[in-house]
Amino acid sequence: MDSLLEVSDEVATALAERRPVVALESSLITTDPSSETASLIEKAVRDTGAVPATVGVAGGRFVVGMDESVIERFATTKGIPKISARDLGSALAGGGLGATTVAGTIVIAERAGIEVFTTAGIGGVHRRAQESFDISADLLQFTRTRITVVSGGAKSILDAKLTAEYLETAGVPVFGYGTDRLPAFVVREADVPVTRVDDLAVAARAVDFHWEVNGDSTVLLTSPIAREDALDGEELERVIAEALEQADRDGVVGNAISPYLMKAVARATGGSIAAAGRSLLRSTARVAGEFAVELSAVRAGRR
C-alpha cells in the first residue's frame, strides 16, 4: 500500500477490477471556483462507463478520487496554490491543500495506476520563448510519465508550431481524433499536422503498442472543440498580435508575456472564451472516458 496515496473506494475498486478510470486535475476547480464545473466534467466521464478520479493534495497525501465534500472545499477555500510536478514534495510537507496542474496530476495518476487523464488544454512553448525560455513543465513531464493525455491541444496563446517541434523531438506521439491538424484549445485547429485517428479502439491499440516498444512516455490524444463553440482563429490571432505589440510598448518581457496575453484575450472576447473552455472540458472528458473504455479492453487482453 502506498502511504502517500489516499484513493477513494470507488477508484480503488475500479483499478483493482481493471475497469477504466480517468484522472482529472483539481486546478480547474480553483480556476473556476465552482463545484458545478467539476461535477459536469465527472458526469461526462461517468456517462461513458468510466470512473472519474479528481486529483489533488490534502493533509500531506495525494488524494485520488475526491468526493463532493472535498471538491466543495477546494471550490470555496481561497488561496489554494497550484501544484506542478516540481511542487509535489513541498505540498506534501506543508500538509495543506494543493490544486494540481496537468504536470502534477499525471505524476500522481501514474503512481496510482491510472492510464488516462483529461484536460481542456495543455501547456506548451510560449510565444517568444526564444527570449524568455518559457516552456511549460507539462512538456518535460510528458517525457517521464506513462499516461494518455486527452485534450483540446495546446492553449491558444502558445506557439503551436514550437510546441509540436518540442513534442516531436521528445518522442511524444500526438494523435488527432477526427482531425489531421493539431487543435488549439478554443480554436479548432492550428496549421500543424498530427497523426489522424478516427477510431478510439485503434488509438487504444496504438497507445498500447507505443508503451510496449518505446517505453514510458506520455501519448497525446487531441480532440477539437465543437465547431459551434469554437472561436475564430484569425480573429484570435489578431487579438494576440495586437496584445504583443502593446506588451512591447508597455515594456512587458520574459515570463510576464503569457499572463499579459491571457488577460488581453479575456478582455477582447468577453465571456465567449470562458464558455468555449467549459464546452471543451466536457467534450474532452467524454472522449477521454470513451478512450479509457477502449484502452482498458486492450490492456486486459494483454494480461
C-alpha atoms as a PDB file:
ATOM      1  CA  MET A   1       0.000   0.000   0.000  1.00  0.00           C
ATOM      2  CA  ASP A   2       1.355   3.427  -0.976  1.00  0.00           C
ATOM      3  CA  SER A   3       1.240   5.585   2.152  1.00  0.00           C
ATOM      4  CA  LEU A   4       1.287   8.795   0.098  1.00  0.00           C
ATOM      5  CA  LEU A   5      -1.922   7.917  -1.737  1.00  0.00           C
ATOM      6  CA  GLU A   6      -5.455   8.405  -0.457  1.00  0.00           C
ATOM      7  CA  VAL A   7      -7.532   6.644  -3.103  1.00  0.00           C
ATOM      8  CA  SER A   8     -11.318   6.661  -2.902  1.00  0.00           C
ATOM      9  CA  ASP A   9     -13.070   3.318  -2.551  1.00  0.00           C
ATOM     10  CA  GLU A  10     -14.734   3.767  -5.944  1.00  0.00           C
ATOM     11  CA  VAL A  11     -11.462   4.429  -7.756  1.00  0.00           C
ATOM     12  CA  ALA A  12      -9.570   1.721  -5.854  1.00  0.00           C
ATOM     13  CA  THR A  13     -12.232  -0.847  -6.723  1.00  0.00           C
ATOM     14  CA  ALA A  14     -12.247   0.161 -10.388  1.00  0.00           C
ATOM     15  CA  LEU A  15      -8.464  -0.115 -10.606  1.00  0.00           C
ATOM     16  CA  ALA A  16      -8.448  -3.478  -8.820  1.00  0.00           C
ATOM     17  CA  GLU A  17     -11.069  -4.758 -11.253  1.00  0.00           C
ATOM     18  CA  ARG A  18      -9.146  -3.243 -14.195  1.00  0.00           C
ATOM     19  CA  ARG A  19     -12.047  -1.032 -15.181  1.00  0.00           C
ATOM     20  CA  PRO A  20     -11.470   2.307 -16.965  1.00  0.00           C
ATOM     21  CA  VAL A  21     -10.531   5.306 -14.819  1.00  0.00           C
ATOM     22  CA  VAL A  22      -9.896   8.893 -15.971  1.00  0.00           C
ATOM     23  CA  ALA A  23      -7.857  11.326 -13.873  1.00  0.00           C
ATOM     24  CA  LEU A  24      -8.908  14.990 -13.640  1.00  0.00           C
ATOM     25  CA  GLU A  25      -6.931  17.984 -12.371  1.00  0.00           C
ATOM     26  CA  SER A  26      -8.081  19.911  -9.311  1.00  0.00           C
ATOM     27  CA  SER A  27      -6.643  23.215 -10.550  1.00  0.00           C
ATOM     28  CA  LEU A  28      -9.706  23.624 -12.766  1.00  0.00           C
ATOM     29  CA  ILE A  29     -11.830  23.786  -9.591  1.00  0.00           C
ATOM     30  CA  THR A  30      -9.832  26.681  -8.168  1.00  0.00           C
ATOM     31  CA  THR A  31      -9.505  28.453 -11.536  1.00  0.00           C
ATOM     32  CA  ASP A  32     -13.280  28.340 -11.982  1.00  0.00           C
ATOM     33  CA  PRO A  33     -14.255  28.325  -8.289  1.00  0.00           C
ATOM     34  CA  SER A  34     -17.430  26.317  -8.562  1.00  0.00           C
ATOM     35  CA  SER A  35     -18.037  22.684  -7.752  1.00  0.00           C
ATOM     36  CA  GLU A  36     -20.588  22.674 -10.588  1.00  0.00           C
ATOM     37  CA  THR A  37     -17.903  22.628 -13.298  1.00  0.00           C
ATOM     38  CA  ALA A  38     -16.111  19.688 -11.681  1.00  0.00           C
ATOM     39  CA  SER A  39     -19.407  17.821 -11.320  1.00  0.00           C
ATOM     40  CA  LEU A  40     -20.264  18.328 -15.002  1.00  0.00           C
ATOM     41  CA  ILE A  41     -16.869  17.002 -16.086  1.00  0.00           C
ATOM     42  CA  GLU A  42     -17.100  13.995 -13.784  1.00  0.00           C
ATOM     43  CA  LYS A  43     -20.580  13.282 -15.169  1.00  0.00           C
ATOM     44  CA  ALA A  44     -19.257  13.415 -18.740  1.00  0.00           C
ATOM     45  CA  VAL A  45     -16.730  10.725 -17.805  1.00  0.00           C
ATOM     46  CA  ARG A  46     -19.294   8.596 -15.948  1.00  0.00           C
ATOM     47  CA  ASP A  47     -21.707   8.680 -18.881  1.00  0.00           C
ATOM     48  CA  THR A  48     -19.146   6.719 -20.925  1.00  0.00           C
ATOM     49  CA  GLY A  49     -18.852   3.933 -18.355  1.00  0.00           C
ATOM     50  CA  ALA A  50     -15.511   5.111 -16.963  1.00  0.00           C
ATOM     51  CA  VAL A  51     -14.802   6.247 -13.396  1.00  0.00           C
ATOM     52  CA  PRO A  52     -13.613   9.852 -12.821  1.00  0.00           C
ATOM     53  CA  ALA A  53     -10.805  10.496 -10.341  1.00  0.00           C
ATOM     54  CA  THR A  54     -10.243  14.144  -9.465  1.00  0.00           C
ATOM     55  CA  VAL A  55      -6.719  14.504  -8.080  1.00  0.00           C
ATOM     56  CA  GLY A  56      -5.251  16.932  -5.559  1.00  0.00           C
ATOM     57  CA  VAL A  57      -3.124  17.278  -2.439  1.00  0.00           C
ATOM     58  CA  ALA A  58      -4.586  17.446   1.068  1.00  0.00           C
ATOM     59  CA  GLY A  59      -3.284  16.691   4.533  1.00  0.00           C
ATOM     60  CA  GLY A  60       0.127  15.545   3.363  1.00  0.00           C
ATOM     61  CA  ARG A  61      -1.231  12.960   0.934  1.00  0.00           C
ATOM     62  CA  PHE A  62      -2.183  12.662  -2.718  1.00  0.00           C
ATOM     63  CA  VAL A  63      -5.973  12.468  -2.990  1.00  0.00           C
ATOM     64  CA  VAL A  64      -7.147  10.368  -5.934  1.00  0.00           C
ATOM     65  CA  GLY A  65     -10.910  10.472  -6.365  1.00  0.00           C
ATOM     66  CA  MET A  66     -12.364  13.444  -4.490  1.00  0.00           C
ATOM     67  CA  ASP A  67     -15.860  13.131  -3.077  1.00  0.00           C
ATOM     68  CA  GLU A  68     -18.327  16.018  -3.272  1.00  0.00           C
ATOM     69  CA  SER A  69     -17.338  17.447   0.106  1.00  0.00           C
ATOM     70  CA  VAL A  70     -13.649  17.650  -0.839  1.00  0.00           C
ATOM     71  CA  ILE A  71     -14.464  19.201  -4.222  1.00  0.00           C
ATOM     72  CA  GLU A  72     -16.633  21.782  -2.455  1.00  0.00           C
ATOM     73  CA  ARG A  73     -13.783  22.506  -0.045  1.00  0.00           C
ATOM     74  CA  PHE A  74     -11.423  23.156  -2.950  1.00  0.00           C
ATOM     75  CA  ALA A  75     -14.036  25.354  -4.635  1.00  0.00           C
ATOM     76  CA  THR A  76     -14.697  27.525  -1.580  1.00  0.00           C
ATOM     77  CA  THR A  77     -11.240  27.819   0.007  1.00  0.00           C
ATOM     78  CA  LYS A  78      -9.363  30.908  -1.141  1.00  0.00           C
ATOM     79  CA  GLY A  79      -5.678  30.976  -1.963  1.00  0.00           C
ATOM     80  CA  ILE A  80      -5.098  27.290  -2.691  1.00  0.00           C
ATOM     81  CA  PRO A  81      -1.746  27.092  -4.502  1.00  0.00           C
ATOM     82  CA  LYS A  82      -1.393  25.426  -7.874  1.00  0.00           C
ATOM     83  CA  ILE A  83       0.882  22.401  -7.678  1.00  0.00           C
ATOM     84  CA  SER A  84       3.010  21.360 -10.639  1.00  0.00           C
ATOM     85  CA  ALA A  85       5.290  18.325 -10.674  1.00  0.00           C
ATOM     86  CA  ARG A  86       8.191  20.173  -9.056  1.00  0.00           C
ATOM     87  CA  ASP A  87       5.966  21.343  -6.177  1.00  0.00           C
ATOM     88  CA  LEU A  88       4.665  17.948  -5.071  1.00  0.00           C
ATOM     89  CA  GLY A  89       7.278  17.381  -2.369  1.00  0.00           C
ATOM     90  CA  SER A  90       6.781  20.756  -0.725  1.00  0.00           C
ATOM     91  CA  ALA A  91       2.998  20.387  -0.973  1.00  0.00           C
ATOM     92  CA  LEU A  92       3.139  17.077   0.892  1.00  0.00           C
ATOM     93  CA  ALA A  93       5.462  18.512   3.517  1.00  0.00           C
ATOM     94  CA  GLY A  94       3.265  21.570   4.025  1.00  0.00           C
ATOM     95  CA  GLY A  95       0.208  19.470   4.790  1.00  0.00           C
ATOM     96  CA  GLY A  96      -2.275  21.919   3.262  1.00  0.00           C
ATOM     97  CA  LEU A  97      -4.430  21.898   0.161  1.00  0.00           C
ATOM     98  CA  GLY A  98      -2.857  21.876  -3.283  1.00  0.00           C
ATOM     99  CA  ALA A  99      -4.626  22.114  -6.637  1.00  0.00           C
ATOM    100  CA  THR A 100      -2.689  20.003  -9.111  1.00  0.00           C
ATOM    101  CA  THR A 101      -1.966  21.180 -12.648  1.00  0.00           C
ATOM    102  CA  VAL A 102      -1.544  18.936 -15.686  1.00  0.00           C
ATOM    103  CA  ALA A 103       2.063  18.021 -14.802  1.00  0.00           C
ATOM    104  CA  GLY A 104       1.316  17.486 -11.119  1.00  0.00           C
ATOM    105  CA  THR A 105      -1.811  15.451 -11.778  1.00  0.00           C
ATOM    106  CA  ILE A 106      -0.256  12.996 -14.218  1.00  0.00           C
ATOM    107  CA  VAL A 107       2.586  12.211 -11.796  1.00  0.00           C
ATOM    108  CA  ILE A 108       0.046  11.270  -9.125  1.00  0.00           C
ATOM    109  CA  ALA A 109      -2.225   9.462 -11.580  1.00  0.00           C
ATOM    110  CA  GLU A 110       0.614   7.258 -12.813  1.00  0.00           C
ATOM    111  CA  ARG A 111       1.590   6.484  -9.219  1.00  0.00           C
ATOM    112  CA  ALA A 112      -1.982   5.343  -8.570  1.00  0.00           C
ATOM    113  CA  GLY A 113      -2.056   3.169 -11.700  1.00  0.00           C
ATOM    114  CA  ILE A 114      -4.336   5.385 -13.811  1.00  0.00           C
ATOM    115  CA  GLU A 115      -3.532   5.418 -17.533  1.00  0.00           C
ATOM    116  CA  VAL A 116      -5.796   8.202 -18.860  1.00  0.00           C
ATOM    117  CA  PHE A 117      -6.018  11.888 -17.933  1.00  0.00           C
ATOM    118  CA  THR A 118      -8.066  14.673 -19.482  1.00  0.00           C
ATOM    119  CA  THR A 119      -7.890  18.453 -19.587  1.00  0.00           C
ATOM    120  CA  ALA A 120      -9.149  21.175 -21.913  1.00  0.00           C
ATOM    121  CA  GLY A 121      -5.702  22.426 -22.910  1.00  0.00           C
ATOM    122  CA  ILE A 122      -2.106  21.516 -22.161  1.00  0.00           C
ATOM    123  CA  GLY A 123       0.785  23.889 -21.596  1.00  0.00           C
ATOM    124  CA  GLY A 124       3.436  24.260 -24.252  1.00  0.00           C
ATOM    125  CA  VAL A 125       6.105  26.513 -25.688  1.00  0.00           C
ATOM    126  CA  HIS A 126       5.160  30.128 -25.100  1.00  0.00           C
ATOM    127  CA  ARG A 127       5.357  32.825 -27.724  1.00  0.00           C
ATOM    128  CA  ARG A 128       8.776  34.491 -27.748  1.00  0.00           C
ATOM    129  CA  ALA A 129      10.231  31.537 -25.869  1.00  0.00           C
ATOM    130  CA  GLN A 130      13.437  32.215 -27.812  1.00  0.00           C
ATOM    131  CA  GLU A 131      13.852  35.205 -25.489  1.00  0.00           C
ATOM    132  CA  SER A 132      12.168  34.039 -22.288  1.00  0.00           C
ATOM    133  CA  PHE A 133      12.829  30.260 -22.345  1.00  0.00           C
ATOM    134  CA  ASP A 134       9.237  29.999 -21.095  1.00  0.00           C
ATOM    135  CA  ILE A 135       8.256  26.385 -21.722  1.00  0.00           C
ATOM    136  CA  SER A 136       5.553  24.656 -19.710  1.00  0.00           C
ATOM    137  CA  ALA A 137       6.588  21.925 -17.283  1.00  0.00           C
ATOM    138  CA  ASP A 138       3.849  19.817 -18.886  1.00  0.00           C
ATOM    139  CA  LEU A 139       6.063  19.092 -21.887  1.00  0.00           C
ATOM    140  CA  LEU A 140       9.027  17.841 -19.876  1.00  0.00           C
ATOM    141  CA  GLN A 141       6.766  15.739 -17.676  1.00  0.00           C
ATOM    142  CA  PHE A 142       5.296  14.094 -20.765  1.00  0.00           C
ATOM    143  CA  THR A 143       8.720  12.556 -21.415  1.00  0.00           C
ATOM    144  CA  ARG A 144       8.722  10.972 -17.942  1.00  0.00           C
ATOM    145  CA  THR A 145       5.169   9.790 -17.364  1.00  0.00           C
ATOM    146  CA  ARG A 146       3.322   6.826 -18.842  1.00  0.00           C
ATOM    147  CA  ILE A 147      -0.203   8.076 -19.393  1.00  0.00           C
ATOM    148  CA  THR A 148      -2.517   9.155 -22.203  1.00  0.00           C
ATOM    149  CA  VAL A 149      -3.446  12.834 -22.054  1.00  0.00           C
ATOM    150  CA  VAL A 150      -6.708  13.655 -23.825  1.00  0.00           C
ATOM    151  CA  SER A 151      -7.060  17.368 -24.526  1.00  0.00           C
ATOM    152  CA  GLY A 152      -8.072  20.052 -26.977  1.00  0.00           C
ATOM    153  CA  GLY A 153      -4.404  20.651 -27.783  1.00  0.00           C
ATOM    154  CA  ALA A 154      -2.117  23.413 -26.553  1.00  0.00           C
ATOM    155  CA  LYS A 155      -3.686  26.617 -25.259  1.00  0.00           C
ATOM    156  CA  SER A 156      -4.345  29.210 -27.937  1.00  0.00           C
ATOM    157  CA  ILE A 157      -1.929  31.845 -26.618  1.00  0.00           C
ATOM    158  CA  LEU A 158       1.004  29.435 -27.036  1.00  0.00           C
ATOM    159  CA  ASP A 159       3.209  28.817 -30.052  1.00  0.00           C
ATOM    160  CA  ALA A 160       1.603  25.732 -31.604  1.00  0.00           C
ATOM    161  CA  LYS A 161       4.419  25.043 -34.077  1.00  0.00           C
ATOM    162  CA  LEU A 162       7.197  25.230 -31.487  1.00  0.00           C
ATOM    163  CA  THR A 163       5.136  23.104 -29.106  1.00  0.00           C
ATOM    164  CA  ALA A 164       4.764  20.451 -31.800  1.00  0.00           C
ATOM    165  CA  GLU A 165       8.505  20.611 -32.546  1.00  0.00           C
ATOM    166  CA  TYR A 166       9.320  20.071 -28.869  1.00  0.00           C
ATOM    167  CA  LEU A 167       6.984  17.072 -28.657  1.00  0.00           C
ATOM    168  CA  GLU A 168       8.444  15.547 -31.823  1.00  0.00           C
ATOM    169  CA  THR A 169      11.997  15.926 -30.520  1.00  0.00           C
ATOM    170  CA  ALA A 170      10.958  14.419 -27.183  1.00  0.00           C
ATOM    171  CA  GLY A 171       9.398  11.390 -28.883  1.00  0.00           C
ATOM    172  CA  VAL A 172       5.884  12.097 -27.595  1.00  0.00           C
ATOM    173  CA  PRO A 173       3.252  10.831 -30.083  1.00  0.00           C
ATOM    174  CA  VAL A 174       0.423  13.225 -30.921  1.00  0.00           C
ATOM    175  CA  PHE A 175      -2.830  11.883 -32.366  1.00  0.00           C
ATOM    176  CA  GLY A 176      -5.761  13.897 -33.666  1.00  0.00           C
ATOM    177  CA  TYR A 177      -9.151  12.300 -33.098  1.00  0.00           C
ATOM    178  CA  GLY A 178     -11.124  13.045 -36.244  1.00  0.00           C
ATOM    179  CA  THR A 179      -8.601  15.653 -37.378  1.00  0.00           C
ATOM    180  CA  ASP A 180      -5.240  15.802 -39.144  1.00  0.00           C
ATOM    181  CA  ARG A 181      -4.412  19.226 -37.673  1.00  0.00           C
ATOM    182  CA  LEU A 182      -3.423  19.993 -34.088  1.00  0.00           C
ATOM    183  CA  PRO A 183      -6.354  21.517 -32.184  1.00  0.00           C
ATOM    184  CA  ALA A 184      -5.551  24.814 -30.476  1.00  0.00           C
ATOM    185  CA  PHE A 185      -7.776  24.855 -27.391  1.00  0.00           C
ATOM    186  CA  VAL A 186     -10.768  27.116 -28.176  1.00  0.00           C
ATOM    187  CA  VAL A 187      -9.734  27.222 -31.854  1.00  0.00           C
ATOM    188  CA  ARG A 188     -10.487  24.065 -33.818  1.00  0.00           C
ATOM    189  CA  GLU A 189      -7.081  23.734 -35.430  1.00  0.00           C
ATOM    190  CA  ALA A 190      -3.636  25.207 -35.894  1.00  0.00           C
ATOM    191  CA  ASP A 191      -1.576  24.806 -39.045  1.00  0.00           C
ATOM    192  CA  VAL A 192       0.326  21.878 -37.548  1.00  0.00           C
ATOM    193  CA  PRO A 193      -0.099  18.300 -38.830  1.00  0.00           C
ATOM    194  CA  VAL A 194      -0.785  15.396 -36.462  1.00  0.00           C
ATOM    195  CA  THR A 195      -1.408  11.687 -36.926  1.00  0.00           C
ATOM    196  CA  ARG A 196      -5.118  11.305 -37.573  1.00  0.00           C
ATOM    197  CA  VAL A 197      -7.155   8.557 -35.919  1.00  0.00           C
ATOM    198  CA  ASP A 198     -10.887   8.118 -36.468  1.00  0.00           C
ATOM    199  CA  ASP A 199     -11.460   5.098 -34.227  1.00  0.00           C
ATOM    200  CA  LEU A 200     -10.706   5.166 -30.497  1.00  0.00           C
ATOM    201  CA  ALA A 201     -10.160   1.404 -30.495  1.00  0.00           C
ATOM    202  CA  VAL A 202      -7.337   1.930 -32.987  1.00  0.00           C
ATOM    203  CA  ALA A 203      -5.987   4.771 -30.838  1.00  0.00           C
ATOM    204  CA  ALA A 204      -6.003   2.473 -27.807  1.00  0.00           C
ATOM    205  CA  ARG A 205      -4.025  -0.188 -29.657  1.00  0.00           C
ATOM    206  CA  ALA A 206      -1.548   2.445 -30.861  1.00  0.00           C
ATOM    207  CA  VAL A 207      -1.006   3.651 -27.290  1.00  0.00           C
ATOM    208  CA  ASP A 208      -0.570   0.108 -26.013  1.00  0.00           C
ATOM    209  CA  PHE A 209       1.986  -0.684 -28.718  1.00  0.00           C
ATOM    210  CA  HIS A 210       3.819   2.591 -28.085  1.00  0.00           C
ATOM    211  CA  TRP A 211       4.304   1.700 -24.437  1.00  0.00           C
ATOM    212  CA  GLU A 212       5.352  -1.805 -25.418  1.00  0.00           C
ATOM    213  CA  VAL A 213       8.103  -0.718 -27.814  1.00  0.00           C
ATOM    214  CA  ASN A 214       9.045   2.833 -26.779  1.00  0.00           C
ATOM    215  CA  GLY A 215       8.870   2.858 -23.009  1.00  0.00           C
ATOM    216  CA  ASP A 216       7.036   5.139 -20.674  1.00  0.00           C
ATOM    217  CA  SER A 217       6.391   8.492 -22.332  1.00  0.00           C
ATOM    218  CA  THR A 218       3.017  10.173 -22.450  1.00  0.00           C
ATOM    219  CA  VAL A 219       0.826   9.872 -25.542  1.00  0.00           C
ATOM    220  CA  LEU A 220      -1.276  12.899 -26.509  1.00  0.00           C
ATOM    221  CA  LEU A 221      -4.734  12.291 -27.933  1.00  0.00           C
ATOM    222  CA  THR A 222      -6.178  15.590 -29.109  1.00  0.00           C
ATOM    223  CA  SER A 223      -9.824  16.289 -29.857  1.00  0.00           C
ATOM    224  CA  PRO A 224     -11.025  19.605 -31.335  1.00  0.00           C
ATOM    225  CA  ILE A 225     -13.674  21.782 -29.762  1.00  0.00           C
ATOM    226  CA  ALA A 226     -17.150  21.518 -31.299  1.00  0.00           C
ATOM    227  CA  ARG A 227     -17.432  23.721 -34.362  1.00  0.00           C
ATOM    228  CA  GLU A 228     -20.379  25.674 -32.960  1.00  0.00           C
ATOM    229  CA  ASP A 229     -18.461  26.538 -29.768  1.00  0.00           C
ATOM    230  CA  ALA A 230     -15.096  27.399 -31.338  1.00  0.00           C
ATOM    231  CA  LEU A 231     -13.673  30.897 -31.563  1.00  0.00           C
ATOM    232  CA  ASP A 232     -12.484  32.299 -34.879  1.00  0.00           C
ATOM    233  CA  GLY A 233      -8.785  31.532 -35.229  1.00  0.00           C
ATOM    234  CA  GLU A 234      -7.914  34.526 -37.398  1.00  0.00           C
ATOM    235  CA  GLU A 235      -9.673  36.944 -35.071  1.00  0.00           C
ATOM    236  CA  LEU A 236      -7.958  35.455 -32.036  1.00  0.00           C
ATOM    237  CA  GLU A 237      -4.563  35.726 -33.742  1.00  0.00           C
ATOM    238  CA  ARG A 238      -5.298  39.394 -34.460  1.00  0.00           C
ATOM    239  CA  VAL A 239      -6.079  39.993 -30.785  1.00  0.00           C
ATOM    240  CA  ILE A 240      -2.873  38.229 -29.727  1.00  0.00           C
ATOM    241  CA  ALA A 241      -0.745  40.150 -32.270  1.00  0.00           C
ATOM    242  CA  GLU A 242      -2.141  43.466 -31.038  1.00  0.00           C
ATOM    243  CA  ALA A 243      -1.537  42.422 -27.439  1.00  0.00           C
ATOM    244  CA  LEU A 244       2.084  41.552 -28.233  1.00  0.00           C
ATOM    245  CA  GLU A 245       2.590  44.988 -29.787  1.00  0.00           C
ATOM    246  CA  GLN A 246       1.062  46.611 -26.714  1.00  0.00           C
ATOM    247  CA  ALA A 247       3.272  44.458 -24.493  1.00  0.00           C
ATOM    248  CA  ASP A 248       6.305  45.881 -26.289  1.00  0.00           C
ATOM    249  CA  ARG A 249       5.074  49.416 -25.664  1.00  0.00           C
ATOM    250  CA  ASP A 250       4.394  48.607 -22.009  1.00  0.00           C
ATOM    251  CA  GLY A 251       7.810  47.027 -21.538  1.00  0.00           C
ATOM    252  CA  VAL A 252       6.413  43.575 -20.744  1.00  0.00           C
ATOM    253  CA  VAL A 253       9.072  40.911 -21.271  1.00  0.00           C
ATOM    254  CA  GLY A 254      10.000  37.335 -20.379  1.00  0.00           C
ATOM    255  CA  ASN A 255       7.634  35.198 -18.347  1.00  0.00           C
ATOM    256  CA  ALA A 256       5.256  38.136 -17.882  1.00  0.00           C
ATOM    257  CA  ILE A 257       4.175  37.994 -21.533  1.00  0.00           C
ATOM    258  CA  SER A 258       1.888  34.952 -21.304  1.00  0.00           C
ATOM    259  CA  PRO A 259      -0.231  36.234 -18.376  1.00  0.00           C
ATOM    260  CA  TYR A 260      -0.427  39.565 -20.201  1.00  0.00           C
ATOM    261  CA  LEU A 261      -1.748  37.807 -23.319  1.00  0.00           C
ATOM    262  CA  MET A 262      -4.287  35.813 -21.319  1.00  0.00           C
ATOM    263  CA  LYS A 263      -5.761  38.978 -19.827  1.00  0.00           C
ATOM    264  CA  ALA A 264      -5.841  40.678 -23.226  1.00  0.00           C
ATOM    265  CA  VAL A 265      -7.650  37.733 -24.828  1.00  0.00           C
ATOM    266  CA  ALA A 266     -10.155  37.565 -21.967  1.00  0.00           C
ATOM    267  CA  ARG A 267     -10.945  41.276 -22.333  1.00  0.00           C
ATOM    268  CA  ALA A 268     -11.295  41.080 -26.111  1.00  0.00           C
ATOM    269  CA  THR A 269     -13.518  38.002 -26.182  1.00  0.00           C
ATOM    270  CA  GLY A 270     -15.705  38.811 -23.198  1.00  0.00           C
ATOM    271  CA  GLY A 271     -17.304  35.694 -21.786  1.00  0.00           C
ATOM    272  CA  SER A 272     -17.042  33.714 -25.015  1.00  0.00           C
ATOM    273  CA  ILE A 273     -13.629  32.209 -24.273  1.00  0.00           C
ATOM    274  CA  ALA A 274     -14.782  31.025 -20.841  1.00  0.00           C
ATOM    275  CA  ALA A 275     -17.897  29.429 -22.331  1.00  0.00           C
ATOM    276  CA  ALA A 276     -15.812  27.787 -25.051  1.00  0.00           C
ATOM    277  CA  GLY A 277     -13.406  26.457 -22.434  1.00  0.00           C
ATOM    278  CA  ARG A 278     -16.218  24.852 -20.440  1.00  0.00           C
ATOM    279  CA  SER A 279     -17.612  23.247 -23.587  1.00  0.00           C
ATOM    280  CA  LEU A 280     -14.174  21.877 -24.414  1.00  0.00           C
ATOM    281  CA  LEU A 281     -13.725  20.480 -20.899  1.00  0.00           C
ATOM    282  CA  ARG A 282     -16.932  18.479 -21.240  1.00  0.00           C
ATOM    283  CA  SER A 283     -16.162  17.194 -24.734  1.00  0.00           C
ATOM    284  CA  THR A 284     -12.602  16.126 -23.928  1.00  0.00           C
ATOM    285  CA  ALA A 285     -13.856  14.410 -20.759  1.00  0.00           C
ATOM    286  CA  ARG A 286     -16.326  12.440 -22.856  1.00  0.00           C
ATOM    287  CA  VAL A 287     -13.658  11.434 -25.381  1.00  0.00           C
ATOM    288  CA  ALA A 288     -11.294  10.509 -22.540  1.00  0.00           C
ATOM    289  CA  GLY A 289     -13.921   8.274 -20.974  1.00  0.00           C
ATOM    290  CA  GLU A 290     -14.659   6.550 -24.275  1.00  0.00           C
ATOM    291  CA  PHE A 291     -10.949   6.118 -24.927  1.00  0.00           C
ATOM    292  CA  ALA A 292     -10.355   4.750 -21.409  1.00  0.00           C
ATOM    293  CA  VAL A 293     -13.005   2.092 -22.032  1.00  0.00           C
ATOM    294  CA  GLU A 294     -11.206   1.030 -25.219  1.00  0.00           C
ATOM    295  CA  LEU A 295      -7.752   1.118 -23.610  1.00  0.00           C
ATOM    296  CA  SER A 296      -8.982  -0.932 -20.664  1.00  0.00           C
ATOM    297  CA  ALA A 297     -10.170  -3.623 -23.066  1.00  0.00           C
ATOM    298  CA  VAL A 298      -6.868  -3.630 -24.952  1.00  0.00           C
ATOM    299  CA  ARG A 299      -4.791  -3.741 -21.782  1.00  0.00           C
ATOM    300  CA  ALA A 300      -6.942  -6.539 -20.342  1.00  0.00           C
ATOM    301  CA  GLY A 301      -6.308  -8.572 -23.478  1.00  0.00           C
ATOM    302  CA  ARG A 302      -2.555  -8.290 -22.926  1.00  0.00           C
ATOM    303  CA  ARG A 303      -2.690  -9.594 -19.362  1.00  0.00           C
END
